Amino acid sequence: MQHNMEAFAAGDIDGVVDDYASDAVIVNDLYGTVQGHSAIKELFHTLLTEVFPPENTVAHTCEIITGPLAFYTWRSDNASFGTDTFVVEDGKITLQTFAAKFHGDGPLSTACLEREKPQTLATGSV
């Protein structure tokens, strides 16, 4: 995971993609489901040029790694909170989810809501 974080910070798209299995899946509310090196490379090109350009600073606020699962929280110049979860098998990322709360008019999407009606998982007080 350290290599992936360093490649992301350096804007090294090929270095980032090299950390993913060839059939890896990334899921996000803004971009939907992205699978395979070609689609993942396109996604990271967008992320590293439009969403997190070089002048944007990202600070990790939490890292928990247990077995094949890596969980991170972070904040950046344009997001007050972000989270990523990775599943790593045989040294490659096979599954990732990520989400962020962007400031102001940052990247926002109703794409997830447009794809399907949200499911209520629980009601009552938590």
Protein backbone atom coordinates (compact mmCIF):
# COMPACT_ATOMS: atom_id res chain seq x y z
CA MET A 1 0.00 0.00 0.00
CA GLN A 2 2.92 2.33 0.66
CA HIS A 3 3.95 2.19 -3.01
CA ASN A 4 0.39 2.99 -4.10
CA MET A 5 0.24 6.04 -1.81
CA GLU A 6 3.63 7.28 -2.99
CA ALA A 7 2.76 6.80 -6.68
CA PHE A 8 -0.55 8.65 -6.17
CA ALA A 9 1.21 11.52 -4.40
CA ALA A 10 3.77 11.73 -7.22
CA GLY A 11 1.07 11.73 -9.91
CA ASP A 12 2.53 8.50 -11.32
CA ILE A 13 -0.53 6.97 -12.99
CA ASP A 14 1.32 3.93 -14.33
CA GLY A 15 2.84 3.32 -10.90
CA VAL A 16 -0.60 3.47 -9.30
CA VAL A 17 -2.15 1.10 -11.86
CA ASP A 18 0.72 -1.39 -11.47
CA ASP A 19 -0.45 -2.02 -7.91
CA TYR A 20 -3.83 -3.35 -9.12
CA ALA A 21 -4.63 -6.90 -10.26
CA SER A 22 -5.52 -7.04 -13.97
CA ASP A 23 -9.19 -7.67 -13.12
CA ALA A 24 -9.36 -5.32 -10.10
CA VAL A 25 -12.58 -3.44 -9.36
CA ILE A 26 -12.95 0.10 -7.99
CA VAL A 27 -16.36 1.30 -6.77
CA ASN A 28 -17.32 4.94 -6.10
CA ASP A 29 -20.58 6.88 -6.13
CA LEU A 30 -19.27 9.40 -8.67
CA TYR A 31 -17.64 7.00 -11.13
CA GLY A 32 -19.64 3.82 -10.55
CA THR A 33 -17.84 0.50 -11.03
CA VAL A 34 -14.51 0.56 -12.85
CA GLN A 35 -12.81 -2.73 -13.71
CA GLY A 36 -9.48 -3.70 -15.27
CA HIS A 37 -6.21 -1.87 -15.89
CA SER A 38 -7.42 0.18 -18.87
CA ALA A 39 -10.47 1.58 -17.06
CA ILE A 40 -8.51 2.06 -13.83
CA LYS A 41 -5.85 4.00 -15.72
CA GLU A 42 -8.53 6.29 -17.20
CA LEU A 43 -10.03 6.80 -13.73
CA PHE A 44 -6.69 7.75 -12.18
CA HIS A 45 -5.93 10.09 -15.07
CA THR A 46 -9.17 11.92 -14.23
CA LEU A 47 -8.51 11.81 -10.50
CA LEU A 48 -4.92 13.06 -10.75
CA THR A 49 -5.60 15.82 -13.28
CA GLU A 50 -9.08 17.07 -12.34
CA VAL A 51 -9.99 16.00 -8.81
CA PHE A 52 -6.56 15.91 -7.11
CA PRO A 53 -4.22 18.02 -9.26
CA PRO A 54 -0.53 18.27 -8.20
CA GLU A 55 -1.05 21.41 -6.13
CA ASN A 56 -3.69 19.65 -3.99
CA THR A 57 -2.37 18.25 -0.69
CA VAL A 58 -3.81 14.99 0.71
CA ALA A 59 -3.21 14.09 4.37
CA HIS A 60 -3.93 10.61 5.72
CA THR A 61 -5.77 10.72 9.03
CA CYS A 62 -6.19 7.00 9.75
CA GLU A 63 -4.66 3.74 8.52
CA ILE A 64 -5.85 0.33 9.65
CA ILE A 65 -4.51 -2.78 7.96
CA THR A 66 -5.75 -6.18 9.01
CA GLY A 67 -5.09 -9.23 6.88
CA PRO A 68 -6.04 -8.48 3.27
CA LEU A 69 -8.01 -5.35 4.22
CA ALA A 70 -6.59 -1.81 4.27
CA PHE A 71 -8.77 1.07 5.49
CA TYR A 72 -7.77 4.73 5.21
CA THR A 73 -9.33 8.06 5.99
CA TRP A 74 -7.93 11.31 4.68
CA ARG A 75 -8.59 14.98 4.00
CA SER A 76 -7.29 17.25 1.28
CA ASP A 77 -7.30 20.85 0.16
CA ASN A 78 -10.61 20.21 -1.61
CA ALA A 79 -12.21 17.57 0.63
CA SER A 80 -12.99 17.71 4.34
CA PHE A 81 -13.18 13.92 4.59
CA GLY A 82 -12.37 10.94 2.39
CA THR A 83 -12.17 7.22 2.87
CA ASP A 84 -10.71 4.32 0.90
CA THR A 85 -10.98 0.61 1.56
CA PHE A 86 -8.73 -1.84 -0.29
CA VAL A 87 -8.61 -5.62 -0.51
CA VAL A 88 -5.10 -6.85 -1.32
CA GLU A 89 -4.43 -10.40 -2.52
CA ASP A 90 -1.05 -11.77 -3.62
CA GLY A 91 0.46 -8.27 -3.38
CA LYS A 92 -2.10 -6.67 -5.73
CA ILE A 93 -5.18 -4.57 -5.04
CA THR A 94 -8.23 -6.57 -6.13
CA LEU A 95 -11.01 -4.35 -4.80
CA GLN A 96 -11.26 -0.73 -3.71
CA THR A 97 -14.05 1.56 -2.61
CA PHE A 98 -13.65 5.28 -2.03
CA ALA A 99 -15.78 8.28 -1.16
CA ALA A 100 -15.20 11.89 -0.18
CA LYS A 101 -17.01 14.97 1.10
CA PHE A 102 -15.75 17.75 -1.17
CA HIS A 103 -15.81 21.46 -0.27
CA GLY A 104 -18.15 23.87 -2.03
CA ASP A 105 -18.87 22.94 -5.62
CA GLY A 106 -16.36 20.10 -5.79
CA PRO A 107 -17.15 16.87 -7.61
CA LEU A 108 -20.69 15.92 -6.68
CA SER A 109 -22.86 13.27 -8.20
CA THR A 110 -26.32 11.82 -8.07
CA ALA A 111 -25.17 9.06 -10.41
CA CYS A 112 -25.54 6.44 -7.69
CA LEU A 113 -29.06 7.59 -6.87
CA GLU A 114 -29.94 7.64 -10.57
CA ARG A 115 -28.76 4.04 -11.06
CA GLU A 116 -31.02 2.56 -8.44
CA LYS A 117 -33.19 3.57 -5.55
CA PRO A 118 -31.20 3.66 -2.28
CA GLN A 119 -31.93 0.78 0.03
CA THR A 120 -32.88 1.44 3.64
CA LEU A 121 -30.59 -0.71 5.77
CA ALA A 122 -31.95 0.24 9.19
CA THR A 123 -34.59 2.40 10.80
CA GLY A 124 -34.96 3.74 14.28
CA SER A 125 -32.30 5.19 16.51
CA VAL A 126 -28.73 4.10 16.18
